[in-house]
Amino acid sequence: MEYTRFEEARILGARALQLAMGAPPLVKPKDGMSPLKLATSELEGGKIPITVIK
């Protein structure tokens, strides 16, 4: 699914916050990976657990 830049920013921010608060990552993290980078890799891999209703 294609997201607008605003939707993508909101999704990444929300998921990065979840990861920073201790949510388990859905992709294998690399050493020293920030929550935002991890959220981005989840979104690119199609594994992000957030639904957008249009």
PDB file of N, CA and C in Angstrom:
ATOM      1  N   MET A   1       0.845  -1.179   0.000  1.00  0.00           N
ATOM      2  CA  MET A   1       0.000   0.000   0.000  1.00  0.00           C
ATOM      3  C   MET A   1       0.886   1.237   0.000  1.00  0.00           C
ATOM      4  N   GLU A   2       0.472   2.211  -0.736  1.00  0.00           N
ATOM      5  CA  GLU A   2       1.199   3.463  -0.862  1.00  0.00           C
ATOM      6  C   GLU A   2       0.657   4.467   0.159  1.00  0.00           C
ATOM      7  N   TYR A   3       1.552   5.078   0.921  1.00  0.00           N
ATOM      8  CA  TYR A   3       1.165   6.055   1.927  1.00  0.00           C
ATOM      9  C   TYR A   3       1.630   7.439   1.519  1.00  0.00           C
ATOM     10  N   THR A   4       0.897   8.468   1.957  1.00  0.00           N
ATOM     11  CA  THR A   4       1.380   9.826   1.754  1.00  0.00           C
ATOM     12  C   THR A   4       2.541  10.048   2.712  1.00  0.00           C
ATOM     13  N   ARG A   5       3.295  11.098   2.505  1.00  0.00           N
ATOM     14  CA  ARG A   5       4.436  11.357   3.393  1.00  0.00           C
ATOM     15  C   ARG A   5       3.978  11.659   4.810  1.00  0.00           C
ATOM     16  N   PHE A   6       2.767  12.194   4.947  1.00  0.00           N
ATOM     17  CA  PHE A   6       2.230  12.503   6.271  1.00  0.00           C
ATOM     18  C   PHE A   6       1.816  11.230   7.004  1.00  0.00           C
ATOM     19  N   GLU A   7       1.173  10.318   6.275  1.00  0.00           N
ATOM     20  CA  GLU A   7       0.803   9.035   6.862  1.00  0.00           C
ATOM     21  C   GLU A   7       2.045   8.245   7.256  1.00  0.00           C
ATOM     22  N   GLU A   8       3.042   8.261   6.391  1.00  0.00           N
ATOM     23  CA  GLU A   8       4.271   7.526   6.675  1.00  0.00           C
ATOM     24  C   GLU A   8       4.976   8.088   7.912  1.00  0.00           C
ATOM     25  N   ALA A   9       5.020   9.409   8.031  1.00  0.00           N
ATOM     26  CA  ALA A   9       5.655  10.029   9.200  1.00  0.00           C
ATOM     27  C   ALA A   9       4.910   9.668  10.481  1.00  0.00           C
ATOM     28  N   ARG A  10       3.595   9.654  10.430  1.00  0.00           N
ATOM     29  CA  ARG A  10       2.788   9.329  11.609  1.00  0.00           C
ATOM     30  C   ARG A  10       2.966   7.871  12.010  1.00  0.00           C
ATOM     31  N   ILE A  11       2.974   6.984  11.028  1.00  0.00           N
ATOM     32  CA  ILE A  11       3.140   5.553  11.282  1.00  0.00           C
ATOM     33  C   ILE A  11       4.519   5.283  11.878  1.00  0.00           C
ATOM     34  N   LEU A  12       5.550   5.859  11.258  1.00  0.00           N
ATOM     35  CA  LEU A  12       6.917   5.634  11.747  1.00  0.00           C
ATOM     36  C   LEU A  12       7.106   6.195  13.152  1.00  0.00           C
ATOM     37  N   GLY A  13       6.534   7.370  13.423  1.00  0.00           N
ATOM     38  CA  GLY A  13       6.650   7.963  14.752  1.00  0.00           C
ATOM     39  C   GLY A  13       5.970   7.115  15.810  1.00  0.00           C
ATOM     40  N   ALA A  14       4.783   6.630  15.492  1.00  0.00           N
ATOM     41  CA  ALA A  14       4.038   5.813  16.453  1.00  0.00           C
ATOM     42  C   ALA A  14       4.751   4.491  16.718  1.00  0.00           C
ATOM     43  N   ARG A  15       5.250   3.854  15.655  1.00  0.00           N
ATOM     44  CA  ARG A  15       5.933   2.566  15.832  1.00  0.00           C
ATOM     45  C   ARG A  15       7.277   2.742  16.535  1.00  0.00           C
ATOM     46  N   ALA A  16       8.004   3.817  16.222  1.00  0.00           N
ATOM     47  CA  ALA A  16       9.280   4.077  16.888  1.00  0.00           C
ATOM     48  C   ALA A  16       9.065   4.288  18.383  1.00  0.00           C
ATOM     49  N   LEU A  17       7.990   4.964  18.753  1.00  0.00           N
ATOM     50  CA  LEU A  17       7.670   5.158  20.163  1.00  0.00           C
ATOM     51  C   LEU A  17       7.374   3.816  20.834  1.00  0.00           C
ATOM     52  N   GLN A  18       6.608   2.961  20.167  1.00  0.00           N
ATOM     53  CA  GLN A  18       6.318   1.635  20.712  1.00  0.00           C
ATOM     54  C   GLN A  18       7.610   0.852  20.936  1.00  0.00           C
ATOM     55  N   LEU A  19       8.509   0.896  19.954  1.00  0.00           N
ATOM     56  CA  LEU A  19       9.779   0.165  20.069  1.00  0.00           C
ATOM     57  C   LEU A  19      10.638   0.739  21.193  1.00  0.00           C
ATOM     58  N   ALA A  20      10.660   2.059  21.328  1.00  0.00           N
ATOM     59  CA  ALA A  20      11.442   2.697  22.384  1.00  0.00           C
ATOM     60  C   ALA A  20      10.906   2.346  23.772  1.00  0.00           C
ATOM     61  N   MET A  21       9.606   2.068  23.856  1.00  0.00           N
ATOM     62  CA  MET A  21       8.984   1.725  25.136  1.00  0.00           C
ATOM     63  C   MET A  21       9.045   0.222  25.424  1.00  0.00           C
ATOM     64  N   GLY A  22       9.693  -0.557  24.543  1.00  0.00           N
ATOM     65  CA  GLY A  22       9.913  -1.965  24.835  1.00  0.00           C
ATOM     66  C   GLY A  22       9.129  -2.964  24.010  1.00  0.00           C
ATOM     67  N   ALA A  23       8.412  -2.518  22.991  1.00  0.00           N
ATOM     68  CA  ALA A  23       7.679  -3.457  22.139  1.00  0.00           C
ATOM     69  C   ALA A  23       8.679  -4.346  21.393  1.00  0.00           C
ATOM     70  N   PRO A  24       8.344  -5.611  21.186  1.00  0.00           N
ATOM     71  CA  PRO A  24       9.275  -6.497  20.481  1.00  0.00           C
ATOM     72  C   PRO A  24       9.357  -6.139  18.992  1.00  0.00           C
ATOM     73  N   PRO A  25      10.564  -6.063  18.440  1.00  0.00           N
ATOM     74  CA  PRO A  25      10.702  -5.763  17.006  1.00  0.00           C
ATOM     75  C   PRO A  25      10.259  -6.951  16.155  1.00  0.00           C
ATOM     76  N   LEU A  26       9.724  -6.654  14.979  1.00  0.00           N
ATOM     77  CA  LEU A  26       9.229  -7.693  14.084  1.00  0.00           C
ATOM     78  C   LEU A  26      10.214  -8.030  12.966  1.00  0.00           C
ATOM     79  N   VAL A  27      11.340  -7.333  12.945  1.00  0.00           N
ATOM     80  CA  VAL A  27      12.450  -7.666  12.048  1.00  0.00           C
ATOM     81  C   VAL A  27      13.695  -7.786  12.908  1.00  0.00           C
ATOM     82  N   LYS A  28      14.688  -8.484  12.418  1.00  0.00           N
ATOM     83  CA  LYS A  28      15.909  -8.674  13.205  1.00  0.00           C
ATOM     84  C   LYS A  28      16.700  -7.365  13.238  1.00  0.00           C
ATOM     85  N   PRO A  29      16.883  -6.796  14.438  1.00  0.00           N
ATOM     86  CA  PRO A  29      17.626  -5.529  14.528  1.00  0.00           C
ATOM     87  C   PRO A  29      19.128  -5.741  14.404  1.00  0.00           C
ATOM     88  N   LYS A  30      19.791  -4.764  13.791  1.00  0.00           N
ATOM     89  CA  LYS A  30      21.249  -4.761  13.732  1.00  0.00           C
ATOM     90  C   LYS A  30      21.757  -4.060  14.978  1.00  0.00           C
ATOM     91  N   ASP A  31      23.015  -4.260  15.322  1.00  0.00           N
ATOM     92  CA  ASP A  31      23.592  -3.652  16.519  1.00  0.00           C
ATOM     93  C   ASP A  31      23.504  -2.129  16.462  1.00  0.00           C
ATOM     94  N   GLY A  32      23.024  -1.527  17.539  1.00  0.00           N
ATOM     95  CA  GLY A  32      22.966  -0.079  17.653  1.00  0.00           C
ATOM     96  C   GLY A  32      21.904   0.589  16.805  1.00  0.00           C
ATOM     97  N   MET A  33      20.921  -0.157  16.348  1.00  0.00           N
ATOM     98  CA  MET A  33      19.873   0.385  15.495  1.00  0.00           C
ATOM     99  C   MET A  33      18.903   1.208  16.331  1.00  0.00           C
ATOM    100  N   SER A  34      18.602   2.423  15.900  1.00  0.00           N
ATOM    101  CA  SER A  34      17.672   3.285  16.633  1.00  0.00           C
ATOM    102  C   SER A  34      16.236   2.799  16.411  1.00  0.00           C
ATOM    103  N   PRO A  35      15.324   3.170  17.318  1.00  0.00           N
ATOM    104  CA  PRO A  35      13.917   2.772  17.130  1.00  0.00           C
ATOM    105  C   PRO A  35      13.335   3.276  15.809  1.00  0.00           C
ATOM    106  N   LEU A  36      13.735   4.459  15.371  1.00  0.00           N
ATOM    107  CA  LEU A  36      13.223   4.991  14.111  1.00  0.00           C
ATOM    108  C   LEU A  36      13.729   4.188  12.916  1.00  0.00           C
ATOM    109  N   LYS A  37      14.998   3.823  12.918  1.00  0.00           N
ATOM    110  CA  LYS A  37      15.546   2.988  11.838  1.00  0.00           C
ATOM    111  C   LYS A  37      14.886   1.616  11.828  1.00  0.00           C
ATOM    112  N   LEU A  38      14.625   1.087  13.013  1.00  0.00           N
ATOM    113  CA  LEU A  38      13.967  -0.215  13.123  1.00  0.00           C
ATOM    114  C   LEU A  38      12.533  -0.135  12.598  1.00  0.00           C
ATOM    115  N   ALA A  39      11.822   0.939  12.951  1.00  0.00           N
ATOM    116  CA  ALA A  39      10.457   1.131  12.450  1.00  0.00           C
ATOM    117  C   ALA A  39      10.461   1.273  10.933  1.00  0.00           C
ATOM    118  N   THR A  40      11.451   1.967  10.393  1.00  0.00           N
ATOM    119  CA  THR A  40      11.555   2.136   8.941  1.00  0.00           C
ATOM    120  C   THR A  40      11.782   0.796   8.252  1.00  0.00           C
ATOM    121  N   SER A  41      12.638  -0.031   8.819  1.00  0.00           N
ATOM    122  CA  SER A  41      12.880  -1.336   8.204  1.00  0.00           C
ATOM    123  C   SER A  41      11.644  -2.229   8.310  1.00  0.00           C
ATOM    124  N   GLU A  42      10.873  -2.100   9.382  1.00  0.00           N
ATOM    125  CA  GLU A  42       9.612  -2.846   9.489  1.00  0.00           C
ATOM    126  C   GLU A  42       8.621  -2.388   8.415  1.00  0.00           C
ATOM    127  N   LEU A  43       8.526  -1.081   8.210  1.00  0.00           N
ATOM    128  CA  LEU A  43       7.604  -0.558   7.203  1.00  0.00           C
ATOM    129  C   LEU A  43       8.020  -1.000   5.803  1.00  0.00           C
ATOM    130  N   GLU A  44       9.304  -0.918   5.505  1.00  0.00           N
ATOM    131  CA  GLU A  44       9.792  -1.333   4.185  1.00  0.00           C
ATOM    132  C   GLU A  44       9.595  -2.824   3.962  1.00  0.00           C
ATOM    133  N   GLY A  45       9.675  -3.619   5.031  1.00  0.00           N
ATOM    134  CA  GLY A  45       9.488  -5.061   4.917  1.00  0.00           C
ATOM    135  C   GLY A  45       8.032  -5.492   4.979  1.00  0.00           C
ATOM    136  N   GLY A  46       7.119  -4.541   5.172  1.00  0.00           N
ATOM    137  CA  GLY A  46       5.694  -4.869   5.223  1.00  0.00           C
ATOM    138  C   GLY A  46       5.282  -5.586   6.493  1.00  0.00           C
ATOM    139  N   LYS A  47       6.041  -5.429   7.564  1.00  0.00           N
ATOM    140  CA  LYS A  47       5.770  -6.152   8.806  1.00  0.00           C
ATOM    141  C   LYS A  47       5.260  -5.254   9.920  1.00  0.00           C
ATOM    142  N   ILE A  48       5.008  -3.996   9.640  1.00  0.00           N
ATOM    143  CA  ILE A  48       4.610  -3.067  10.690  1.00  0.00           C
ATOM    144  C   ILE A  48       3.165  -3.371  11.126  1.00  0.00           C
ATOM    145  N   PRO A  49       2.917  -3.483  12.424  1.00  0.00           N
ATOM    146  CA  PRO A  49       1.598  -3.894  12.912  1.00  0.00           C
ATOM    147  C   PRO A  49       0.631  -2.714  13.120  1.00  0.00           C
ATOM    148  N   ILE A  50       0.550  -1.836  12.140  1.00  0.00           N
ATOM    149  CA  ILE A  50      -0.327  -0.665  12.239  1.00  0.00           C
ATOM    150  C   ILE A  50      -1.210  -0.640  11.000  1.00  0.00           C
ATOM    151  N   THR A  51      -2.499  -0.399  11.195  1.00  0.00           N
ATOM    152  CA  THR A  51      -3.453  -0.365  10.095  1.00  0.00           C
ATOM    153  C   THR A  51      -3.912   1.073   9.859  1.00  0.00           C
ATOM    154  N   VAL A  52      -3.951   1.489   8.598  1.00  0.00           N
ATOM    155  CA  VAL A  52      -4.441   2.808   8.239  1.00  0.00           C
ATOM    156  C   VAL A  52      -5.765   2.622   7.513  1.00  0.00           C
ATOM    157  N   ILE A  53      -6.789   3.275   8.048  1.00  0.00           N
ATOM    158  CA  ILE A  53      -8.121   3.206   7.425  1.00  0.00           C
ATOM    159  C   ILE A  53      -8.364   4.515   6.702  1.00  0.00           C
ATOM    160  N   LYS A  54      -8.651   4.424   5.403  1.00  0.00           N
ATOM    161  CA  LYS A  54      -8.890   5.632   4.603  1.00  0.00           C
ATOM    162  C   LYS A  54     -10.356   5.800   4.335  1.00  0.00           C
TER     163      LYS A  54
END
